[in-house]
Amino acid sequence: MNLFKSIFGNSDEVQNTSRVGWKPLTHEEQLNEIMTESVEKPVAIFKHSTRCGISRMTLKQFENEYDLHDKITPYFIDLLENRKVSDAVAHRFNVTHESPQLLLIRDGNPVYVASHGDIFADDLKRYI
């Protein structure tokens, strides 16, 4: 298991070492907060699988590009620990579940949805 974590990491490591300032999305009830919050400021939701190398590479690329600290509130879902929350996101925002996946929520609606190699932090600037 330690070898596995050293290769792919885990959600605690991502949240503690990232310069993005992720808020963990661990409860379905938080979706109501996100809906309200997105009226004042866009909210990003990054869905990540710690068992997937592509997800890890995409996350690192996103974090390296990210420079929207005061413009977006970023949330992070560890899919292995919070699959029900991820499913609730897909249902609430009427999107197909994918991993990795990035949603940008504005005024309670998804205005940007991307997955895998199509996830770029710079793309979010169009929606701010």
N, C-alpha and C. Protein backbone atom coordinates (compact mmCIF):
# COMPACT_ATOMS: atom_id res chain seq x y z
N MET A 1 0.81 -1.20 0.00
CA MET A 1 0.00 0.00 0.00
C MET A 1 0.85 1.26 0.00
N ASN A 2 1.97 1.28 0.73
CA ASN A 2 2.83 2.46 0.73
C ASN A 2 3.42 2.72 -0.64
N LEU A 3 3.80 1.66 -1.36
CA LEU A 3 4.29 1.82 -2.72
C LEU A 3 3.21 2.43 -3.59
N PHE A 4 1.99 1.93 -3.43
CA PHE A 4 0.85 2.44 -4.18
C PHE A 4 0.66 3.93 -3.93
N LYS A 5 0.70 4.33 -2.67
CA LYS A 5 0.53 5.75 -2.33
C LYS A 5 1.68 6.59 -2.84
N SER A 6 2.89 6.03 -2.84
CA SER A 6 4.03 6.80 -3.32
C SER A 6 3.95 7.05 -4.82
N ILE A 7 3.31 6.15 -5.53
CA ILE A 7 3.17 6.33 -6.98
C ILE A 7 2.02 7.28 -7.30
N PHE A 8 0.86 7.03 -6.69
CA PHE A 8 -0.34 7.77 -7.05
C PHE A 8 -0.74 8.84 -6.04
N GLY A 9 -0.21 8.79 -4.84
CA GLY A 9 -0.56 9.77 -3.82
C GLY A 9 -1.93 9.49 -3.23
N ASN A 10 -2.38 10.40 -2.37
CA ASN A 10 -3.71 10.29 -1.79
C ASN A 10 -4.29 11.68 -1.61
N SER A 11 -5.55 11.77 -1.23
CA SER A 11 -6.21 13.07 -1.16
C SER A 11 -5.62 13.97 -0.09
N ASP A 12 -5.17 13.41 1.03
CA ASP A 12 -4.56 14.25 2.07
C ASP A 12 -3.31 14.92 1.53
N GLU A 13 -2.51 14.16 0.80
CA GLU A 13 -1.28 14.70 0.22
C GLU A 13 -1.59 15.83 -0.75
N VAL A 14 -2.59 15.65 -1.58
CA VAL A 14 -2.97 16.67 -2.56
C VAL A 14 -3.40 17.94 -1.84
N GLN A 15 -4.26 17.82 -0.86
CA GLN A 15 -4.78 18.99 -0.17
C GLN A 15 -3.72 19.69 0.65
N ASN A 16 -2.76 18.96 1.18
CA ASN A 16 -1.74 19.56 2.03
C ASN A 16 -0.57 20.16 1.25
N THR A 17 -0.31 19.69 0.04
CA THR A 17 0.85 20.17 -0.70
C THR A 17 0.49 21.06 -1.88
N SER A 18 -0.75 21.19 -2.21
CA SER A 18 -1.16 21.94 -3.39
C SER A 18 -1.16 23.44 -3.12
N ARG A 19 -0.79 24.20 -4.13
CA ARG A 19 -0.87 25.65 -4.02
C ARG A 19 -2.25 26.17 -4.43
N VAL A 20 -3.13 25.27 -4.86
CA VAL A 20 -4.47 25.66 -5.28
C VAL A 20 -5.33 26.08 -4.09
N GLY A 21 -5.17 25.43 -2.96
CA GLY A 21 -6.00 25.74 -1.80
C GLY A 21 -7.34 25.01 -1.85
N TRP A 22 -7.28 23.74 -2.22
CA TRP A 22 -8.49 22.93 -2.35
C TRP A 22 -9.30 22.89 -1.05
N LYS A 23 -10.62 22.92 -1.20
CA LYS A 23 -11.54 22.62 -0.10
C LYS A 23 -12.02 21.19 -0.36
N PRO A 24 -11.95 20.31 0.63
CA PRO A 24 -12.42 18.95 0.40
C PRO A 24 -13.95 18.90 0.26
N LEU A 25 -14.41 18.19 -0.75
CA LEU A 25 -15.84 17.98 -0.96
C LEU A 25 -16.13 16.54 -0.55
N THR A 26 -16.68 16.38 0.64
CA THR A 26 -16.82 15.05 1.24
C THR A 26 -18.26 14.70 1.62
N HIS A 27 -19.17 15.65 1.51
CA HIS A 27 -20.56 15.42 1.91
C HIS A 27 -21.51 16.00 0.86
N GLU A 28 -22.55 15.27 0.56
CA GLU A 28 -23.53 15.73 -0.43
C GLU A 28 -24.15 17.07 -0.03
N GLU A 29 -24.29 17.31 1.26
CA GLU A 29 -24.89 18.55 1.73
C GLU A 29 -24.09 19.78 1.28
N GLN A 30 -22.81 19.59 1.04
CA GLN A 30 -21.97 20.72 0.60
C GLN A 30 -22.40 21.24 -0.77
N LEU A 31 -23.11 20.43 -1.54
CA LEU A 31 -23.55 20.88 -2.86
C LEU A 31 -24.51 22.05 -2.76
N ASN A 32 -25.31 22.09 -1.71
CA ASN A 32 -26.20 23.25 -1.50
C ASN A 32 -25.37 24.51 -1.25
N GLU A 33 -24.31 24.39 -0.47
CA GLU A 33 -23.42 25.52 -0.21
C GLU A 33 -22.75 25.97 -1.51
N ILE A 34 -22.33 25.01 -2.31
CA ILE A 34 -21.67 25.33 -3.58
C ILE A 34 -22.63 26.08 -4.50
N MET A 35 -23.88 25.64 -4.55
CA MET A 35 -24.88 26.32 -5.38
C MET A 35 -25.01 27.79 -4.96
N THR A 36 -25.11 28.02 -3.66
CA THR A 36 -25.25 29.38 -3.14
C THR A 36 -23.97 30.17 -3.36
N GLU A 37 -22.85 29.57 -3.05
CA GLU A 37 -21.55 30.22 -3.20
C GLU A 37 -21.28 30.63 -4.64
N SER A 38 -21.74 29.83 -5.59
CA SER A 38 -21.44 30.08 -7.00
C SER A 38 -22.15 31.31 -7.56
N VAL A 39 -23.10 31.85 -6.81
CA VAL A 39 -23.76 33.08 -7.23
C VAL A 39 -22.82 34.27 -7.03
N GLU A 40 -22.02 34.22 -5.96
CA GLU A 40 -21.08 35.29 -5.65
C GLU A 40 -19.75 35.14 -6.38
N LYS A 41 -19.30 33.90 -6.50
CA LYS A 41 -17.99 33.62 -7.11
C LYS A 41 -18.04 32.22 -7.72
N PRO A 42 -17.47 32.03 -8.93
CA PRO A 42 -17.48 30.69 -9.52
C PRO A 42 -16.80 29.66 -8.62
N VAL A 43 -17.29 28.43 -8.70
CA VAL A 43 -16.78 27.32 -7.91
C VAL A 43 -16.29 26.24 -8.87
N ALA A 44 -15.06 25.78 -8.65
CA ALA A 44 -14.52 24.67 -9.43
C ALA A 44 -14.61 23.40 -8.60
N ILE A 45 -14.97 22.30 -9.26
CA ILE A 45 -14.99 20.98 -8.61
C ILE A 45 -14.10 20.07 -9.44
N PHE A 46 -13.04 19.58 -8.81
CA PHE A 46 -12.11 18.65 -9.47
C PHE A 46 -12.34 17.26 -8.89
N LYS A 47 -12.72 16.33 -9.76
CA LYS A 47 -12.95 14.93 -9.35
C LYS A 47 -11.71 14.13 -9.72
N HIS A 48 -11.10 13.50 -8.73
CA HIS A 48 -9.80 12.85 -8.91
C HIS A 48 -9.80 11.43 -8.35
N SER A 49 -9.24 10.51 -9.13
CA SER A 49 -9.05 9.15 -8.65
C SER A 49 -7.58 8.95 -8.31
N THR A 50 -7.31 8.62 -7.06
CA THR A 50 -5.92 8.43 -6.64
C THR A 50 -5.32 7.14 -7.17
N ARG A 51 -6.11 6.31 -7.81
CA ARG A 51 -5.60 5.07 -8.42
C ARG A 51 -5.29 5.21 -9.90
N CYS A 52 -5.52 6.37 -10.45
CA CYS A 52 -5.38 6.56 -11.90
C CYS A 52 -4.20 7.47 -12.22
N GLY A 53 -3.26 6.95 -12.98
CA GLY A 53 -2.10 7.74 -13.38
C GLY A 53 -2.47 8.93 -14.23
N ILE A 54 -3.44 8.78 -15.11
CA ILE A 54 -3.89 9.90 -15.95
C ILE A 54 -4.49 11.00 -15.08
N SER A 55 -5.27 10.60 -14.10
CA SER A 55 -5.86 11.58 -13.19
C SER A 55 -4.77 12.33 -12.44
N ARG A 56 -3.75 11.62 -11.99
CA ARG A 56 -2.63 12.25 -11.26
C ARG A 56 -1.89 13.25 -12.16
N MET A 57 -1.60 12.86 -13.40
CA MET A 57 -0.90 13.77 -14.32
C MET A 57 -1.74 15.00 -14.62
N THR A 58 -3.03 14.79 -14.83
CA THR A 58 -3.93 15.91 -15.13
C THR A 58 -4.02 16.86 -13.94
N LEU A 59 -4.12 16.30 -12.75
CA LEU A 59 -4.17 17.12 -11.54
C LEU A 59 -2.91 17.95 -11.39
N LYS A 60 -1.75 17.34 -11.57
CA LYS A 60 -0.49 18.08 -11.44
C LYS A 60 -0.40 19.21 -12.46
N GLN A 61 -0.80 18.92 -13.71
CA GLN A 61 -0.78 19.95 -14.74
C GLN A 61 -1.71 21.10 -14.36
N PHE A 62 -2.91 20.77 -13.90
CA PHE A 62 -3.87 21.79 -13.50
C PHE A 62 -3.30 22.65 -12.38
N GLU A 63 -2.73 22.00 -11.37
CA GLU A 63 -2.18 22.73 -10.23
C GLU A 63 -1.01 23.62 -10.64
N ASN A 64 -0.21 23.19 -11.58
CA ASN A 64 0.91 24.00 -12.06
C ASN A 64 0.43 25.22 -12.83
N GLU A 65 -0.67 25.11 -13.55
CA GLU A 65 -1.22 26.22 -14.34
C GLU A 65 -2.05 27.20 -13.49
N TYR A 66 -2.59 26.72 -12.40
CA TYR A 66 -3.61 27.45 -11.65
C TYR A 66 -3.08 28.76 -11.07
N ASP A 67 -3.75 29.86 -11.41
CA ASP A 67 -3.40 31.17 -10.86
C ASP A 67 -4.66 32.02 -10.62
N LEU A 68 -5.71 31.37 -10.20
CA LEU A 68 -7.01 32.03 -10.02
C LEU A 68 -7.43 32.09 -8.56
N HIS A 69 -6.49 32.29 -7.69
CA HIS A 69 -6.69 32.13 -6.25
C HIS A 69 -7.85 32.93 -5.66
N ASP A 70 -8.03 34.16 -6.04
CA ASP A 70 -9.10 34.97 -5.47
C ASP A 70 -10.34 35.02 -6.35
N LYS A 71 -10.29 34.34 -7.49
CA LYS A 71 -11.38 34.45 -8.46
C LYS A 71 -12.30 33.24 -8.48
N ILE A 72 -11.82 32.12 -7.96
CA ILE A 72 -12.58 30.87 -7.97
C ILE A 72 -12.40 30.18 -6.62
N THR A 73 -13.45 29.53 -6.15
CA THR A 73 -13.33 28.68 -4.97
C THR A 73 -13.18 27.24 -5.46
N PRO A 74 -12.03 26.61 -5.20
CA PRO A 74 -11.79 25.25 -5.72
C PRO A 74 -12.13 24.15 -4.70
N TYR A 75 -12.93 23.20 -5.13
CA TYR A 75 -13.27 22.03 -4.33
C TYR A 75 -12.64 20.79 -4.97
N PHE A 76 -12.35 19.80 -4.13
CA PHE A 76 -11.65 18.59 -4.56
C PHE A 76 -12.39 17.36 -4.04
N ILE A 77 -12.67 16.41 -4.94
CA ILE A 77 -13.30 15.15 -4.53
C ILE A 77 -12.32 14.02 -4.78
N ASP A 78 -12.00 13.28 -3.73
CA ASP A 78 -11.27 12.03 -3.85
C ASP A 78 -12.32 10.96 -4.15
N LEU A 79 -12.32 10.48 -5.39
CA LEU A 79 -13.38 9.57 -5.82
C LEU A 79 -13.40 8.25 -5.05
N LEU A 80 -12.24 7.78 -4.66
CA LEU A 80 -12.20 6.50 -3.96
C LEU A 80 -12.82 6.60 -2.57
N GLU A 81 -12.66 7.75 -1.95
CA GLU A 81 -13.21 7.94 -0.60
C GLU A 81 -14.63 8.50 -0.62
N ASN A 82 -15.00 9.15 -1.72
CA ASN A 82 -16.28 9.88 -1.75
C ASN A 82 -17.05 9.65 -3.05
N ARG A 83 -17.19 8.42 -3.46
CA ARG A 83 -17.87 8.12 -4.72
C ARG A 83 -19.32 8.59 -4.70
N LYS A 84 -20.01 8.46 -3.57
CA LYS A 84 -21.40 8.91 -3.50
C LYS A 84 -21.51 10.42 -3.74
N VAL A 85 -20.54 11.15 -3.25
CA VAL A 85 -20.54 12.60 -3.45
C VAL A 85 -20.32 12.90 -4.93
N SER A 86 -19.40 12.18 -5.55
CA SER A 86 -19.15 12.36 -6.98
C SER A 86 -20.40 12.05 -7.80
N ASP A 87 -21.09 10.98 -7.45
CA ASP A 87 -22.34 10.64 -8.13
C ASP A 87 -23.38 11.74 -7.94
N ALA A 88 -23.43 12.31 -6.74
CA ALA A 88 -24.37 13.40 -6.46
C ALA A 88 -24.04 14.64 -7.30
N VAL A 89 -22.77 14.91 -7.50
CA VAL A 89 -22.35 16.02 -8.36
C VAL A 89 -22.85 15.78 -9.78
N ALA A 90 -22.63 14.57 -10.29
CA ALA A 90 -23.07 14.24 -11.65
C ALA A 90 -24.58 14.41 -11.78
N HIS A 91 -25.31 13.96 -10.79
CA HIS A 91 -26.77 14.06 -10.82
C HIS A 91 -27.23 15.51 -10.70
N ARG A 92 -26.68 16.23 -9.73
CA ARG A 92 -27.11 17.61 -9.47
C ARG A 92 -26.86 18.52 -10.67
N PHE A 93 -25.71 18.33 -11.33
CA PHE A 93 -25.35 19.22 -12.43
C PHE A 93 -25.58 18.60 -13.80
N ASN A 94 -26.23 17.42 -13.81
CA ASN A 94 -26.62 16.75 -15.05
C ASN A 94 -25.43 16.55 -16.00
N VAL A 95 -24.36 15.99 -15.45
CA VAL A 95 -23.18 15.67 -16.26
C VAL A 95 -22.86 14.18 -16.09
N THR A 96 -22.22 13.62 -17.08
CA THR A 96 -21.78 12.23 -17.01
C THR A 96 -20.56 12.16 -16.11
N HIS A 97 -20.54 11.17 -15.22
CA HIS A 97 -19.38 11.00 -14.34
C HIS A 97 -18.16 10.60 -15.16
N GLU A 98 -17.06 11.29 -14.94
CA GLU A 98 -15.77 10.93 -15.53
C GLU A 98 -14.69 11.22 -14.50
N SER A 99 -13.53 10.66 -14.73
CA SER A 99 -12.39 10.90 -13.85
C SER A 99 -11.10 10.79 -14.64
N PRO A 100 -10.30 11.83 -14.55
CA PRO A 100 -10.52 13.08 -13.82
C PRO A 100 -11.56 13.94 -14.54
N GLN A 101 -12.16 14.83 -13.78
CA GLN A 101 -13.17 15.72 -14.34
C GLN A 101 -13.13 17.04 -13.60
N LEU A 102 -13.35 18.12 -14.35
CA LEU A 102 -13.39 19.46 -13.77
C LEU A 102 -14.69 20.13 -14.19
N LEU A 103 -15.40 20.65 -13.21
CA LEU A 103 -16.60 21.43 -13.47
C LEU A 103 -16.39 22.83 -12.91
N LEU A 104 -16.89 23.82 -13.62
CA LEU A 104 -16.93 25.17 -13.09
C LEU A 104 -18.40 25.55 -12.96
N ILE A 105 -18.81 25.87 -11.75
CA ILE A 105 -20.20 26.18 -11.44
C ILE A 105 -20.33 27.68 -11.25
N ARG A 106 -21.30 28.25 -11.96
CA ARG A 106 -21.57 29.68 -11.84
C ARG A 106 -23.08 29.87 -11.78
N ASP A 107 -23.55 30.62 -10.82
CA ASP A 107 -24.99 30.83 -10.62
C ASP A 107 -25.74 29.50 -10.54
N GLY A 108 -25.11 28.50 -9.92
CA GLY A 108 -25.75 27.21 -9.71
C GLY A 108 -25.74 26.27 -10.89
N ASN A 109 -25.08 26.66 -11.98
CA ASN A 109 -25.07 25.84 -13.19
C ASN A 109 -23.65 25.57 -13.67
N PRO A 110 -23.43 24.41 -14.27
CA PRO A 110 -22.10 24.15 -14.84
C PRO A 110 -21.92 24.96 -16.12
N VAL A 111 -20.89 25.78 -16.16
CA VAL A 111 -20.60 26.56 -17.37
C VAL A 111 -19.39 26.01 -18.11
N TYR A 112 -18.67 25.10 -17.45
CA TYR A 112 -17.49 24.46 -18.05
C TYR A 112 -17.39 23.06 -17.47
N VAL A 113 -17.27 22.07 -18.34
CA VAL A 113 -17.08 20.69 -17.92
C VAL A 113 -16.03 20.08 -18.84
N ALA A 114 -14.97 19.54 -18.25
CA ALA A 114 -13.91 18.91 -19.05
C ALA A 114 -13.42 17.67 -18.32
N SER A 115 -12.82 16.78 -19.08
CA SER A 115 -12.27 15.58 -18.46
C SER A 115 -10.96 15.20 -19.14
N HIS A 116 -10.21 14.40 -18.44
CA HIS A 116 -8.95 13.83 -18.92
C HIS A 116 -8.02 14.92 -19.47
N GLY A 117 -7.52 14.75 -20.67
CA GLY A 117 -6.54 15.67 -21.24
C GLY A 117 -7.10 17.01 -21.68
N ASP A 118 -8.40 17.20 -21.53
CA ASP A 118 -9.02 18.48 -21.91
C ASP A 118 -9.14 19.44 -20.73
N ILE A 119 -8.59 19.08 -19.58
CA ILE A 119 -8.66 19.93 -18.39
C ILE A 119 -7.47 20.88 -18.38
N PHE A 120 -7.77 22.18 -18.44
CA PHE A 120 -6.73 23.21 -18.38
C PHE A 120 -7.23 24.36 -17.50
N ALA A 121 -6.41 24.75 -16.55
CA ALA A 121 -6.79 25.85 -15.65
C ALA A 121 -7.01 27.14 -16.43
N ASP A 122 -6.23 27.37 -17.46
CA ASP A 122 -6.37 28.61 -18.24
C ASP A 122 -7.74 28.72 -18.90
N ASP A 123 -8.37 27.60 -19.21
CA ASP A 123 -9.70 27.64 -19.83
C ASP A 123 -10.73 28.29 -18.91
N LEU A 124 -10.52 28.22 -17.61
CA LEU A 124 -11.48 28.76 -16.66
C LEU A 124 -11.55 30.29 -16.72
N LYS A 125 -10.50 30.92 -17.19
CA LYS A 125 -10.45 32.39 -17.22
C LYS A 125 -11.56 32.98 -18.08
N ARG A 126 -12.03 32.24 -19.06
CA ARG A 126 -13.11 32.72 -19.92
C ARG A 126 -14.42 32.92 -19.17
N TYR A 127 -14.55 32.26 -18.03
CA TYR A 127 -15.82 32.25 -17.32
C TYR A 127 -15.82 33.10 -16.05
N ILE A 128 -14.80 33.89 -15.88
CA ILE A 128 -14.69 34.71 -14.68
C ILE A 128 -15.11 36.14 -14.99
